[in-house]
Amino acid sequence: MIFSAIFCIWGFRDFSIGYDTVAYCKYFEAITEESVFHTLLHVEIGYKLLNKLYSIASDEYRVLLIGNTLLLCLLLWKTLKDNALFPFTSMYLLVVSIYFFTIFDWARQGIAMGIVYAGFGYLRNKQYFYYAAIIILASLFHYSAIALILLIAFLKLKFTILRSLILICITIAIHIYYNIAISFFSDFFPNFLYLSYFKVENTNRGGTMLLFLSLFMIFLFICLINNLDINRNFEQRLLAWCFLIGTCASILSLKMWWFGRLAIMFNIPVLIFLPNILSQGIRGNLSRFLYFNAIYIIPGMYFIAWIYVVSPVAFGYVPYKFMW
C-alpha cells in the first residue's frame, strides 16, 4: 500500500517537480534522439541504455518518470523486505531525514544505491565476488556506487570506540585545516580542487551532520549501558561502520560538497538497520527513552526544521502538481 502511494505520487508528478527532474528530462530527450555512445558523455552507459529502453515505449517525459519511479520502488521494497525488521519505522526515518526525496530525485544515484542495497545479502553471506559484481552493475548507473566497496574492507575490521574516536578526530582536523587538506588531495586528484570548492545553495548539510552525529552518540551509549557487542553480528557491525563513515562524510560535506553524496550512500543503510539494532537494546527506562528519541523525536524535529528553515520549495517539491 505504501509503495503504491509512493508510485502514484512520485511517478505521476509533473516534470517540473524535483530539484533534478528537469535535467533528467533533457537527458532523456537527448538520448532518445541520438546514439547512447555519442551523447552525454558524463552520463553513465547503464542509465543511457535504460533511457533508450524507455524511448521504445514512448518519447514522452511521463514514461521516464514512471519507469524510474517503478524501478526505485521495487529496489527500495526489496531492500526493506530483506533487511528491515520494522519496515514502517525505516520508511518513517527515510521520509523525515529527507533521503526519501533524494532517492527519487537523483535518479542515477538512487538506482545505483538501490541496486547495491538490494544486494546486501551477498555481503551478509560473505559472498564478496557477487557483491563486487553488484557494485560493478550499480556503477553503470552512477560511478559513486564504487565507494560502497569499502564495506568489504571495513567489515573485516573489528569496530571499537577507540577507532571511531580516532577517525572522527582526523575528520575534524581535516575540516579545521581545510585549505591544507584540499591542497594535499588535489596533488593526487586534479579534479578534487573543483569538487571541494563547488557550492550548492539552500542545502541542509549542517542539520544532517548534527542529526547523524546525535543518532551515532545515542547508538554508542545504548550499546555501552546494555553491554551490547557491536561486532556480534553482521547487522550491528555494518550499522556501526556505516554510521561512522556517514557521520565523518557529513562533517566533511560542510566544506567539501562531494562528501555529501558519499554520506548519503552510507547514511541510508543506517536508517534501514537502526530500528533493528536499537530495539534489541531496550532494557530499562533510560534505553526506552533514548530509543524513542533516536527513532521518532530527533528525526521528526529535523524534518520540521527542514520544512521551516531550508524549505522544500527550494528543491522544487512544492507546490505539487500531476503531469496531466
C-alpha atoms as a PDB file:
ATOM      1  CA  MET A   1       0.000   0.000   0.000  1.00  0.00           C
ATOM      2  CA  ILE A   2       2.817   2.408   0.914  1.00  0.00           C
ATOM      3  CA  PHE A   3       4.731   1.752  -2.287  1.00  0.00           C
ATOM      4  CA  SER A   4       1.565   2.028  -4.371  1.00  0.00           C
ATOM      5  CA  ALA A   5       1.028   5.502  -2.906  1.00  0.00           C
ATOM      6  CA  ILE A   6       4.688   6.438  -3.497  1.00  0.00           C
ATOM      7  CA  PHE A   7       4.494   5.237  -7.089  1.00  0.00           C
ATOM      8  CA  CYS A   8       1.316   7.210  -7.817  1.00  0.00           C
ATOM      9  CA  ILE A   9       2.515  10.439  -6.177  1.00  0.00           C
ATOM     10  CA  TRP A  10       6.101  10.442  -7.441  1.00  0.00           C
ATOM     11  CA  GLY A  11       5.697   8.574 -10.712  1.00  0.00           C
ATOM     12  CA  PHE A  12       2.839  10.720 -11.996  1.00  0.00           C
ATOM     13  CA  ARG A  13       4.267  14.080 -10.910  1.00  0.00           C
ATOM     14  CA  ASP A  14       4.754  16.940 -13.332  1.00  0.00           C
ATOM     15  CA  PHE A  15       8.236  17.005 -14.895  1.00  0.00           C
ATOM     16  CA  SER A  16       8.909  20.342 -13.156  1.00  0.00           C
ATOM     17  CA  ILE A  17       8.640  18.773  -9.674  1.00  0.00           C
ATOM     18  CA  GLY A  18      12.022  17.941  -8.146  1.00  0.00           C
ATOM     19  CA  TYR A  19      15.447  19.547  -7.994  1.00  0.00           C
ATOM     20  CA  ASP A  20      16.968  17.473 -10.826  1.00  0.00           C
ATOM     21  CA  THR A  21      13.887  16.301 -12.729  1.00  0.00           C
ATOM     22  CA  VAL A  22      14.139  18.901 -15.500  1.00  0.00           C
ATOM     23  CA  ALA A  23      17.782  17.941 -16.138  1.00  0.00           C
ATOM     24  CA  TYR A  24      16.888  14.245 -16.376  1.00  0.00           C
ATOM     25  CA  CYS A  25      14.078  15.047 -18.812  1.00  0.00           C
ATOM     26  CA  LYS A  26      16.620  16.856 -21.004  1.00  0.00           C
ATOM     27  CA  TYR A  27      18.943  13.836 -20.770  1.00  0.00           C
ATOM     28  CA  PHE A  28      16.054  11.614 -21.861  1.00  0.00           C
ATOM     29  CA  GLU A  29      15.314  13.852 -24.836  1.00  0.00           C
ATOM     30  CA  ALA A  30      18.962  13.875 -25.960  1.00  0.00           C
ATOM     31  CA  ILE A  31      19.398  10.115 -25.536  1.00  0.00           C
ATOM     32  CA  THR A  32      16.161   9.423 -27.408  1.00  0.00           C
ATOM     33  CA  GLU A  33      17.278  11.454 -30.430  1.00  0.00           C
ATOM     34  CA  GLU A  34      20.904  10.242 -30.612  1.00  0.00           C
ATOM     35  CA  SER A  35      23.019   7.138 -30.099  1.00  0.00           C
ATOM     36  CA  VAL A  36      23.844   6.303 -26.482  1.00  0.00           C
ATOM     37  CA  PHE A  37      27.542   6.216 -27.405  1.00  0.00           C
ATOM     38  CA  HIS A  38      27.630   9.685 -28.948  1.00  0.00           C
ATOM     39  CA  THR A  39      25.721  11.837 -26.478  1.00  0.00           C
ATOM     40  CA  LEU A  40      26.038  12.958 -22.859  1.00  0.00           C
ATOM     41  CA  LEU A  41      29.482  11.519 -22.198  1.00  0.00           C
ATOM     42  CA  HIS A  42      29.221  12.409 -18.486  1.00  0.00           C
ATOM     43  CA  VAL A  43      26.142  10.179 -18.047  1.00  0.00           C
ATOM     44  CA  GLU A  44      26.819   6.512 -17.278  1.00  0.00           C
ATOM     45  CA  ILE A  45      26.126   3.949 -20.002  1.00  0.00           C
ATOM     46  CA  GLY A  46      23.679   1.929 -17.898  1.00  0.00           C
ATOM     47  CA  TYR A  47      21.407   4.894 -17.333  1.00  0.00           C
ATOM     48  CA  LYS A  48      21.582   5.841 -21.016  1.00  0.00           C
ATOM     49  CA  LEU A  49      20.607   2.311 -22.065  1.00  0.00           C
ATOM     50  CA  LEU A  50      17.729   2.399 -19.577  1.00  0.00           C
ATOM     51  CA  ASN A  51      16.517   5.668 -21.117  1.00  0.00           C
ATOM     52  CA  LYS A  52      16.833   4.150 -24.585  1.00  0.00           C
ATOM     53  CA  LEU A  53      14.643   1.287 -23.401  1.00  0.00           C
ATOM     54  CA  TYR A  54      12.043   3.773 -22.146  1.00  0.00           C
ATOM     55  CA  SER A  55      12.063   5.551 -25.505  1.00  0.00           C
ATOM     56  CA  ILE A  56      10.910   2.346 -27.224  1.00  0.00           C
ATOM     57  CA  ALA A  57       7.597   2.716 -25.399  1.00  0.00           C
ATOM     58  CA  SER A  58       7.303   6.471 -25.867  1.00  0.00           C
ATOM     59  CA  ASP A  59       9.386   9.618 -26.162  1.00  0.00           C
ATOM     60  CA  GLU A  60       7.227  11.486 -23.631  1.00  0.00           C
ATOM     61  CA  TYR A  61       8.666  12.540 -20.276  1.00  0.00           C
ATOM     62  CA  ARG A  62       5.954  10.684 -18.362  1.00  0.00           C
ATOM     63  CA  VAL A  63       7.464   7.339 -19.443  1.00  0.00           C
ATOM     64  CA  LEU A  64      10.811   8.348 -17.919  1.00  0.00           C
ATOM     65  CA  LEU A  65       9.274   9.451 -14.608  1.00  0.00           C
ATOM     66  CA  ILE A  66       7.015   6.404 -14.322  1.00  0.00           C
ATOM     67  CA  GLY A  67       9.814   3.984 -15.279  1.00  0.00           C
ATOM     68  CA  ASN A  68      12.399   5.421 -12.875  1.00  0.00           C
ATOM     69  CA  THR A  69       9.897   5.591 -10.012  1.00  0.00           C
ATOM     70  CA  LEU A  70       8.766   1.992 -10.553  1.00  0.00           C
ATOM     71  CA  LEU A  71      12.370   0.739 -10.611  1.00  0.00           C
ATOM     72  CA  LEU A  72      13.284   2.689  -7.462  1.00  0.00           C
ATOM     73  CA  CYS A  73      10.156   1.470  -5.646  1.00  0.00           C
ATOM     74  CA  LEU A  74      10.997  -2.155  -6.462  1.00  0.00           C
ATOM     75  CA  LEU A  75      14.621  -1.781  -5.307  1.00  0.00           C
ATOM     76  CA  LEU A  76      13.638   0.001  -2.088  1.00  0.00           C
ATOM     77  CA  TRP A  77      10.877  -2.535  -1.390  1.00  0.00           C
ATOM     78  CA  LYS A  78      13.298  -5.463  -1.809  1.00  0.00           C
ATOM     79  CA  THR A  79      15.876  -3.774   0.431  1.00  0.00           C
ATOM     80  CA  LEU A  80      13.367  -3.202   3.241  1.00  0.00           C
ATOM     81  CA  LYS A  81      11.842  -6.667   2.802  1.00  0.00           C
ATOM     82  CA  ASP A  82      15.223  -8.401   3.118  1.00  0.00           C
ATOM     83  CA  ASN A  83      16.824  -6.228   5.808  1.00  0.00           C
ATOM     84  CA  ALA A  84      14.299  -4.234   7.864  1.00  0.00           C
ATOM     85  CA  LEU A  85      12.549  -5.892  10.816  1.00  0.00           C
ATOM     86  CA  PHE A  86      10.388  -2.773  11.142  1.00  0.00           C
ATOM     87  CA  PRO A  87       9.827  -1.564   7.551  1.00  0.00           C
ATOM     88  CA  PHE A  88       7.273   1.105   8.540  1.00  0.00           C
ATOM     89  CA  THR A  89       9.729   2.628  11.013  1.00  0.00           C
ATOM     90  CA  SER A  90      12.533   2.516   8.451  1.00  0.00           C
ATOM     91  CA  MET A  91      10.247   4.237   5.919  1.00  0.00           C
ATOM     92  CA  TYR A  92       9.436   6.899   8.528  1.00  0.00           C
ATOM     93  CA  LEU A  93      13.159   7.565   9.023  1.00  0.00           C
ATOM     94  CA  LEU A  94      13.757   7.718   5.263  1.00  0.00           C
ATOM     95  CA  VAL A  95      10.992  10.306   4.864  1.00  0.00           C
ATOM     96  CA  VAL A  96      11.794  12.578   7.827  1.00  0.00           C
ATOM     97  CA  SER A  97      15.532  12.532   7.069  1.00  0.00           C
ATOM     98  CA  ILE A  98      14.700  13.870   3.561  1.00  0.00           C
ATOM     99  CA  TYR A  99      16.543  10.939   1.929  1.00  0.00           C
ATOM    100  CA  PHE A 100      13.240   9.688   0.540  1.00  0.00           C
ATOM    101  CA  PHE A 101      13.116  12.798  -1.658  1.00  0.00           C
ATOM    102  CA  THR A 102      16.795  12.476  -2.535  1.00  0.00           C
ATOM    103  CA  ILE A 103      16.485   8.856  -3.688  1.00  0.00           C
ATOM    104  CA  PHE A 104      13.646   9.631  -6.073  1.00  0.00           C
ATOM    105  CA  ASP A 105      15.095  12.943  -7.293  1.00  0.00           C
ATOM    106  CA  TRP A 106      18.663  11.847  -8.047  1.00  0.00           C
ATOM    107  CA  ALA A 107      17.571   9.091 -10.421  1.00  0.00           C
ATOM    108  CA  ARG A 108      21.036   7.836 -11.436  1.00  0.00           C
ATOM    109  CA  GLN A 109      22.482   7.711  -7.943  1.00  0.00           C
ATOM    110  CA  GLY A 110      19.187   6.480  -6.482  1.00  0.00           C
ATOM    111  CA  ILE A 111      19.084   3.498  -8.848  1.00  0.00           C
ATOM    112  CA  ALA A 112      22.771   2.742  -8.219  1.00  0.00           C
ATOM    113  CA  MET A 113      22.332   2.798  -4.433  1.00  0.00           C
ATOM    114  CA  GLY A 114      19.143   0.734  -4.657  1.00  0.00           C
ATOM    115  CA  ILE A 115      20.951  -1.983  -6.624  1.00  0.00           C
ATOM    116  CA  VAL A 116      23.732  -2.209  -4.021  1.00  0.00           C
ATOM    117  CA  TYR A 117      21.373  -2.207  -1.024  1.00  0.00           C
ATOM    118  CA  ALA A 118      19.220  -4.897  -2.635  1.00  0.00           C
ATOM    119  CA  GLY A 119      22.414  -6.995  -2.858  1.00  0.00           C
ATOM    120  CA  PHE A 120      23.352  -6.703   0.834  1.00  0.00           C
ATOM    121  CA  GLY A 121      22.508 -10.391   1.194  1.00  0.00           C
ATOM    122  CA  TYR A 122      25.748 -11.226  -0.622  1.00  0.00           C
ATOM    123  CA  LEU A 123      27.640  -9.050   1.852  1.00  0.00           C
ATOM    124  CA  ARG A 124      25.900 -10.735   4.790  1.00  0.00           C
ATOM    125  CA  ASN A 125      26.825 -14.200   3.482  1.00  0.00           C
ATOM    126  CA  LYS A 126      30.405 -13.080   2.719  1.00  0.00           C
ATOM    127  CA  GLN A 127      29.931 -13.728  -0.996  1.00  0.00           C
ATOM    128  CA  TYR A 128      32.233 -10.864  -1.858  1.00  0.00           C
ATOM    129  CA  PHE A 129      32.621 -11.797  -5.529  1.00  0.00           C
ATOM    130  CA  TYR A 130      28.867 -11.467  -6.118  1.00  0.00           C
ATOM    131  CA  TYR A 131      28.744  -8.279  -4.045  1.00  0.00           C
ATOM    132  CA  ALA A 132      31.555  -6.816  -6.179  1.00  0.00           C
ATOM    133  CA  ALA A 133      29.585  -7.789  -9.299  1.00  0.00           C
ATOM    134  CA  ILE A 134      26.580  -5.910  -7.884  1.00  0.00           C
ATOM    135  CA  ILE A 135      28.828  -2.868  -7.322  1.00  0.00           C
ATOM    136  CA  ILE A 136      30.010  -3.017 -10.946  1.00  0.00           C
ATOM    137  CA  LEU A 137      26.395  -3.231 -12.155  1.00  0.00           C
ATOM    138  CA  ALA A 138      25.404  -0.278  -9.956  1.00  0.00           C
ATOM    139  CA  SER A 139      28.356   1.797 -11.198  1.00  0.00           C
ATOM    140  CA  LEU A 140      26.854   1.598 -14.703  1.00  0.00           C
ATOM    141  CA  PHE A 141      24.155   3.925 -13.360  1.00  0.00           C
ATOM    142  CA  HIS A 142      26.342   6.131 -11.135  1.00  0.00           C
ATOM    143  CA  TYR A 143      30.084   5.875 -10.553  1.00  0.00           C
ATOM    144  CA  SER A 144      29.759   6.848  -6.878  1.00  0.00           C
ATOM    145  CA  ALA A 145      28.434   3.337  -6.109  1.00  0.00           C
ATOM    146  CA  ILE A 146      32.057   2.143  -6.229  1.00  0.00           C
ATOM    147  CA  ALA A 147      32.565   3.768  -2.804  1.00  0.00           C
ATOM    148  CA  LEU A 148      30.355   1.079  -1.231  1.00  0.00           C
ATOM    149  CA  ILE A 149      33.074  -1.479  -1.984  1.00  0.00           C
ATOM    150  CA  LEU A 150      34.730  -0.036   1.146  1.00  0.00           C
ATOM    151  CA  LEU A 151      32.265  -2.025   3.247  1.00  0.00           C
ATOM    152  CA  ILE A 152      34.096  -5.258   2.400  1.00  0.00           C
ATOM    153  CA  ALA A 153      37.300  -3.908   3.952  1.00  0.00           C
ATOM    154  CA  PHE A 154      35.642  -2.261   6.960  1.00  0.00           C
ATOM    155  CA  LEU A 155      33.503  -5.282   7.843  1.00  0.00           C
ATOM    156  CA  LYS A 156      36.692  -7.317   8.219  1.00  0.00           C
ATOM    157  CA  LEU A 157      37.849  -4.872  10.902  1.00  0.00           C
ATOM    158  CA  LYS A 158      36.611  -5.047  14.470  1.00  0.00           C
ATOM    159  CA  PHE A 159      34.641  -1.916  15.348  1.00  0.00           C
ATOM    160  CA  THR A 160      35.932  -0.248  18.515  1.00  0.00           C
ATOM    161  CA  ILE A 161      35.180   3.022  20.292  1.00  0.00           C
ATOM    162  CA  LEU A 162      38.869   3.967  20.040  1.00  0.00           C
ATOM    163  CA  ARG A 163      38.926   3.518  16.260  1.00  0.00           C
ATOM    164  CA  SER A 164      35.742   5.548  15.881  1.00  0.00           C
ATOM    165  CA  LEU A 165      37.120   8.392  18.018  1.00  0.00           C
ATOM    166  CA  ILE A 166      40.401   8.421  16.057  1.00  0.00           C
ATOM    167  CA  LEU A 167      38.553   8.588  12.726  1.00  0.00           C
ATOM    168  CA  ILE A 168      36.248  11.363  13.974  1.00  0.00           C
ATOM    169  CA  CYS A 169      39.242  13.342  15.293  1.00  0.00           C
ATOM    170  CA  ILE A 170      41.022  13.002  11.925  1.00  0.00           C
ATOM    171  CA  THR A 171      37.829  14.144  10.184  1.00  0.00           C
ATOM    172  CA  ILE A 172      37.512  17.201  12.435  1.00  0.00           C
ATOM    173  CA  ALA A 173      41.195  18.029  11.850  1.00  0.00           C
ATOM    174  CA  ILE A 174      40.675  17.879   8.061  1.00  0.00           C
ATOM    175  CA  HIS A 175      37.606  20.075   8.479  1.00  0.00           C
ATOM    176  CA  ILE A 176      39.531  22.659  10.526  1.00  0.00           C
ATOM    177  CA  TYR A 177      42.638  22.656   8.330  1.00  0.00           C
ATOM    178  CA  TYR A 178      40.524  22.682   5.197  1.00  0.00           C
ATOM    179  CA  ASN A 179      42.878  24.561   2.850  1.00  0.00           C
ATOM    180  CA  ILE A 180      45.860  22.359   3.709  1.00  0.00           C
ATOM    181  CA  ALA A 181      43.752  19.211   3.232  1.00  0.00           C
ATOM    182  CA  ILE A 182      42.427  20.110  -0.223  1.00  0.00           C
ATOM    183  CA  SER A 183      45.903  21.183  -1.326  1.00  0.00           C
ATOM    184  CA  PHE A 184      47.215  17.748  -0.327  1.00  0.00           C
ATOM    185  CA  PHE A 185      44.393  15.797  -2.018  1.00  0.00           C
ATOM    186  CA  SER A 186      44.457  17.909  -5.191  1.00  0.00           C
ATOM    187  CA  ASP A 187      48.072  16.836  -5.801  1.00  0.00           C
ATOM    188  CA  PHE A 188      46.812  13.267  -6.284  1.00  0.00           C
ATOM    189  CA  PHE A 189      43.331  14.024  -7.681  1.00  0.00           C
ATOM    190  CA  PRO A 190      43.406  17.046 -10.046  1.00  0.00           C
ATOM    191  CA  ASN A 191      39.615  17.454 -10.030  1.00  0.00           C
ATOM    192  CA  PHE A 192      39.439  17.437  -6.241  1.00  0.00           C
ATOM    193  CA  LEU A 193      40.008  21.193  -6.043  1.00  0.00           C
ATOM    194  CA  TYR A 194      36.922  21.843  -8.158  1.00  0.00           C
ATOM    195  CA  LEU A 195      34.837  19.313  -6.248  1.00  0.00           C
ATOM    196  CA  SER A 196      35.854  20.890  -2.952  1.00  0.00           C
ATOM    197  CA  TYR A 197      35.074  24.494  -3.738  1.00  0.00           C
ATOM    198  CA  PHE A 198      31.834  23.932  -5.644  1.00  0.00           C
ATOM    199  CA  LYS A 199      28.962  25.212  -3.507  1.00  0.00           C
ATOM    200  CA  VAL A 200      25.260  24.394  -3.600  1.00  0.00           C
ATOM    201  CA  GLU A 201      22.810  26.894  -2.156  1.00  0.00           C
ATOM    202  CA  ASN A 202      19.860  26.060   0.110  1.00  0.00           C
ATOM    203  CA  THR A 203      21.370  22.839   1.444  1.00  0.00           C
ATOM    204  CA  ASN A 204      20.798  21.304   4.866  1.00  0.00           C
ATOM    205  CA  ARG A 205      24.220  19.721   5.387  1.00  0.00           C
ATOM    206  CA  GLY A 206      24.730  21.230   8.838  1.00  0.00           C
ATOM    207  CA  GLY A 207      21.435  19.825  10.088  1.00  0.00           C
ATOM    208  CA  THR A 208      22.151  16.439   8.507  1.00  0.00           C
ATOM    209  CA  MET A 209      25.553  16.275  10.186  1.00  0.00           C
ATOM    210  CA  LEU A 210      24.027  17.099  13.607  1.00  0.00           C
ATOM    211  CA  LEU A 211      21.215  14.573  13.078  1.00  0.00           C
ATOM    212  CA  PHE A 212      23.505  11.630  12.351  1.00  0.00           C
ATOM    213  CA  LEU A 213      26.081  12.664  14.950  1.00  0.00           C
ATOM    214  CA  SER A 214      23.284  12.691  17.566  1.00  0.00           C
ATOM    215  CA  LEU A 215      21.962   9.299  16.453  1.00  0.00           C
ATOM    216  CA  PHE A 216      25.501   7.871  16.431  1.00  0.00           C
ATOM    217  CA  MET A 217      26.109   9.021  20.021  1.00  0.00           C
ATOM    218  CA  ILE A 218      22.781   7.508  21.161  1.00  0.00           C
ATOM    219  CA  PHE A 219      23.617   4.242  19.381  1.00  0.00           C
ATOM    220  CA  LEU A 220      27.009   4.001  21.112  1.00  0.00           C
ATOM    221  CA  PHE A 221      25.535   4.955  24.510  1.00  0.00           C
ATOM    222  CA  ILE A 222      22.782   2.315  24.317  1.00  0.00           C
ATOM    223  CA  CYS A 223      25.395  -0.289  23.349  1.00  0.00           C
ATOM    224  CA  LEU A 224      27.566   0.716  26.328  1.00  0.00           C
ATOM    225  CA  ILE A 225      24.858   0.785  29.017  1.00  0.00           C
ATOM    226  CA  ASN A 226      23.459  -2.566  27.861  1.00  0.00           C
ATOM    227  CA  ASN A 227      26.855  -4.202  27.208  1.00  0.00           C
ATOM    228  CA  LEU A 228      25.928  -4.939  23.604  1.00  0.00           C
ATOM    229  CA  ASP A 229      28.731  -6.363  21.493  1.00  0.00           C
ATOM    230  CA  ILE A 230      28.731  -4.201  18.355  1.00  0.00           C
ATOM    231  CA  ASN A 231      30.700  -6.877  16.489  1.00  0.00           C
ATOM    232  CA  ARG A 232      28.307  -9.681  17.448  1.00  0.00           C
ATOM    233  CA  ASN A 233      26.618  -9.987  14.057  1.00  0.00           C
ATOM    234  CA  PHE A 234      26.603  -8.646  10.529  1.00  0.00           C
ATOM    235  CA  GLU A 235      23.832  -6.085  11.036  1.00  0.00           C
ATOM    236  CA  GLN A 236      25.387  -4.430  14.088  1.00  0.00           C
ATOM    237  CA  ARG A 237      28.863  -4.263  12.566  1.00  0.00           C
ATOM    238  CA  LEU A 238      27.501  -2.942   9.246  1.00  0.00           C
ATOM    239  CA  LEU A 239      25.396  -0.350  11.067  1.00  0.00           C
ATOM    240  CA  ALA A 240      28.352   0.801  13.167  1.00  0.00           C
ATOM    241  CA  TRP A 241      30.717   1.257  10.220  1.00  0.00           C
ATOM    242  CA  CYS A 242      28.053   2.905   8.033  1.00  0.00           C
ATOM    243  CA  PHE A 243      27.244   5.205  10.949  1.00  0.00           C
ATOM    244  CA  LEU A 244      30.889   6.152  11.382  1.00  0.00           C
ATOM    245  CA  ILE A 245      31.715   6.640   7.687  1.00  0.00           C
ATOM    246  CA  GLY A 246      28.469   8.507   7.031  1.00  0.00           C
ATOM    247  CA  THR A 247      28.913  10.795  10.042  1.00  0.00           C
ATOM    248  CA  CYS A 248      32.502  11.646   9.074  1.00  0.00           C
ATOM    249  CA  ALA A 249      31.468  12.282   5.462  1.00  0.00           C
ATOM    250  CA  SER A 250      28.631  14.532   6.699  1.00  0.00           C
ATOM    251  CA  ILE A 251      31.123  16.607   8.707  1.00  0.00           C
ATOM    252  CA  LEU A 252      33.425  16.971   5.680  1.00  0.00           C
ATOM    253  CA  SER A 253      30.471  17.867   3.435  1.00  0.00           C
ATOM    254  CA  LEU A 254      30.062  21.152   5.329  1.00  0.00           C
ATOM    255  CA  LYS A 255      33.004  22.454   3.296  1.00  0.00           C
ATOM    256  CA  MET A 256      33.536  19.840   0.591  1.00  0.00           C
ATOM    257  CA  TRP A 257      30.224  19.247  -1.184  1.00  0.00           C
ATOM    258  CA  TRP A 258      31.184  15.930  -2.830  1.00  0.00           C
ATOM    259  CA  PHE A 259      31.291  14.237   0.586  1.00  0.00           C
ATOM    260  CA  GLY A 260      27.571  14.946   0.899  1.00  0.00           C
ATOM    261  CA  ARG A 261      26.885  12.353  -1.804  1.00  0.00           C
ATOM    262  CA  LEU A 262      29.250   9.927  -0.080  1.00  0.00           C
ATOM    263  CA  ALA A 263      27.439  10.483   3.222  1.00  0.00           C
ATOM    264  CA  ILE A 264      24.063   9.685   1.649  1.00  0.00           C
ATOM    265  CA  MET A 265      25.263   6.279   0.437  1.00  0.00           C
ATOM    266  CA  PHE A 266      26.320   5.248   3.953  1.00  0.00           C
ATOM    267  CA  ASN A 267      23.556   7.021   5.888  1.00  0.00           C
ATOM    268  CA  ILE A 268      20.642   5.287   4.159  1.00  0.00           C
ATOM    269  CA  PRO A 269      21.663   1.785   5.429  1.00  0.00           C
ATOM    270  CA  VAL A 270      21.780   3.344   8.905  1.00  0.00           C
ATOM    271  CA  LEU A 271      18.119   4.336   8.623  1.00  0.00           C
ATOM    272  CA  ILE A 272      17.228   0.809   7.487  1.00  0.00           C
ATOM    273  CA  PHE A 273      19.149  -1.102  10.187  1.00  0.00           C
ATOM    274  CA  LEU A 274      18.905   1.326  13.144  1.00  0.00           C
ATOM    275  CA  PRO A 275      15.430   0.203  14.347  1.00  0.00           C
ATOM    276  CA  ASN A 276      16.577  -3.444  14.148  1.00  0.00           C
ATOM    277  CA  ILE A 277      19.534  -2.872  16.467  1.00  0.00           C
ATOM    278  CA  LEU A 278      18.145  -0.317  18.912  1.00  0.00           C
ATOM    279  CA  SER A 279      15.054  -2.449  19.534  1.00  0.00           C
ATOM    280  CA  GLN A 280      17.388  -5.185  20.865  1.00  0.00           C
ATOM    281  CA  GLY A 281      18.919  -2.745  23.350  1.00  0.00           C
ATOM    282  CA  ILE A 282      15.708  -1.633  25.093  1.00  0.00           C
ATOM    283  CA  ARG A 283      16.387  -2.628  28.690  1.00  0.00           C
ATOM    284  CA  GLY A 284      15.086  -0.177  31.248  1.00  0.00           C
ATOM    285  CA  ASN A 285      13.503   3.259  31.109  1.00  0.00           C
ATOM    286  CA  LEU A 286      16.683   5.067  30.012  1.00  0.00           C
ATOM    287  CA  SER A 287      17.148   2.840  26.959  1.00  0.00           C
ATOM    288  CA  ARG A 288      13.450   3.169  26.125  1.00  0.00           C
ATOM    289  CA  PHE A 289      13.674   6.967  26.379  1.00  0.00           C
ATOM    290  CA  LEU A 290      16.789   7.104  24.178  1.00  0.00           C
ATOM    291  CA  TYR A 291      15.253   4.717  21.642  1.00  0.00           C
ATOM    292  CA  PHE A 292      12.096   6.824  21.354  1.00  0.00           C
ATOM    293  CA  ASN A 293      14.169   9.985  20.852  1.00  0.00           C
ATOM    294  CA  ALA A 294      16.520   8.384  18.325  1.00  0.00           C
ATOM    295  CA  ILE A 295      13.748   6.861  16.224  1.00  0.00           C
ATOM    296  CA  TYR A 296      10.940   9.403  16.412  1.00  0.00           C
ATOM    297  CA  ILE A 297      11.671  12.722  18.164  1.00  0.00           C
ATOM    298  CA  ILE A 298      15.098  13.834  16.852  1.00  0.00           C
ATOM    299  CA  PRO A 299      14.464  12.831  13.184  1.00  0.00           C
ATOM    300  CA  GLY A 300      10.974  14.378  13.404  1.00  0.00           C
ATOM    301  CA  MET A 301      12.418  17.669  14.697  1.00  0.00           C
ATOM    302  CA  TYR A 302      14.952  17.614  11.862  1.00  0.00           C
ATOM    303  CA  PHE A 303      12.117  17.220   9.351  1.00  0.00           C
ATOM    304  CA  ILE A 304      10.192  20.161  10.842  1.00  0.00           C
ATOM    305  CA  ALA A 305      13.349  22.306  10.850  1.00  0.00           C
ATOM    306  CA  TRP A 306      13.999  21.411   7.210  1.00  0.00           C
ATOM    307  CA  ILE A 307      10.495  22.488   6.235  1.00  0.00           C
ATOM    308  CA  TYR A 308      10.716  25.852   8.007  1.00  0.00           C
ATOM    309  CA  VAL A 309      14.412  26.710   7.592  1.00  0.00           C
ATOM    310  CA  VAL A 310      15.506  25.229   4.243  1.00  0.00           C
ATOM    311  CA  SER A 311      12.017  24.860   2.739  1.00  0.00           C
ATOM    312  CA  PRO A 312      11.048  22.170   0.208  1.00  0.00           C
ATOM    313  CA  VAL A 313      10.162  24.986  -2.210  1.00  0.00           C
ATOM    314  CA  ALA A 314      13.898  25.485  -2.838  1.00  0.00           C
ATOM    315  CA  PHE A 315      14.139  21.885  -4.029  1.00  0.00           C
ATOM    316  CA  GLY A 316      11.108  22.127  -6.286  1.00  0.00           C
ATOM    317  CA  TYR A 317       8.969  19.676  -4.299  1.00  0.00           C
ATOM    318  CA  VAL A 318       6.054  22.059  -3.761  1.00  0.00           C
ATOM    319  CA  PRO A 319       3.627  23.218  -4.941  1.00  0.00           C
ATOM    320  CA  TYR A 320       2.883  19.709  -6.173  1.00  0.00           C
ATOM    321  CA  LYS A 321       1.013  19.020  -9.393  1.00  0.00           C
ATOM    322  CA  PHE A 322       0.342  15.970 -11.540  1.00  0.00           C
ATOM    323  CA  MET A 323       1.732  15.587 -15.057  1.00  0.00           C
ATOM    324  CA  TRP A 324      -1.698  15.990 -16.624  1.00  0.00           C
END
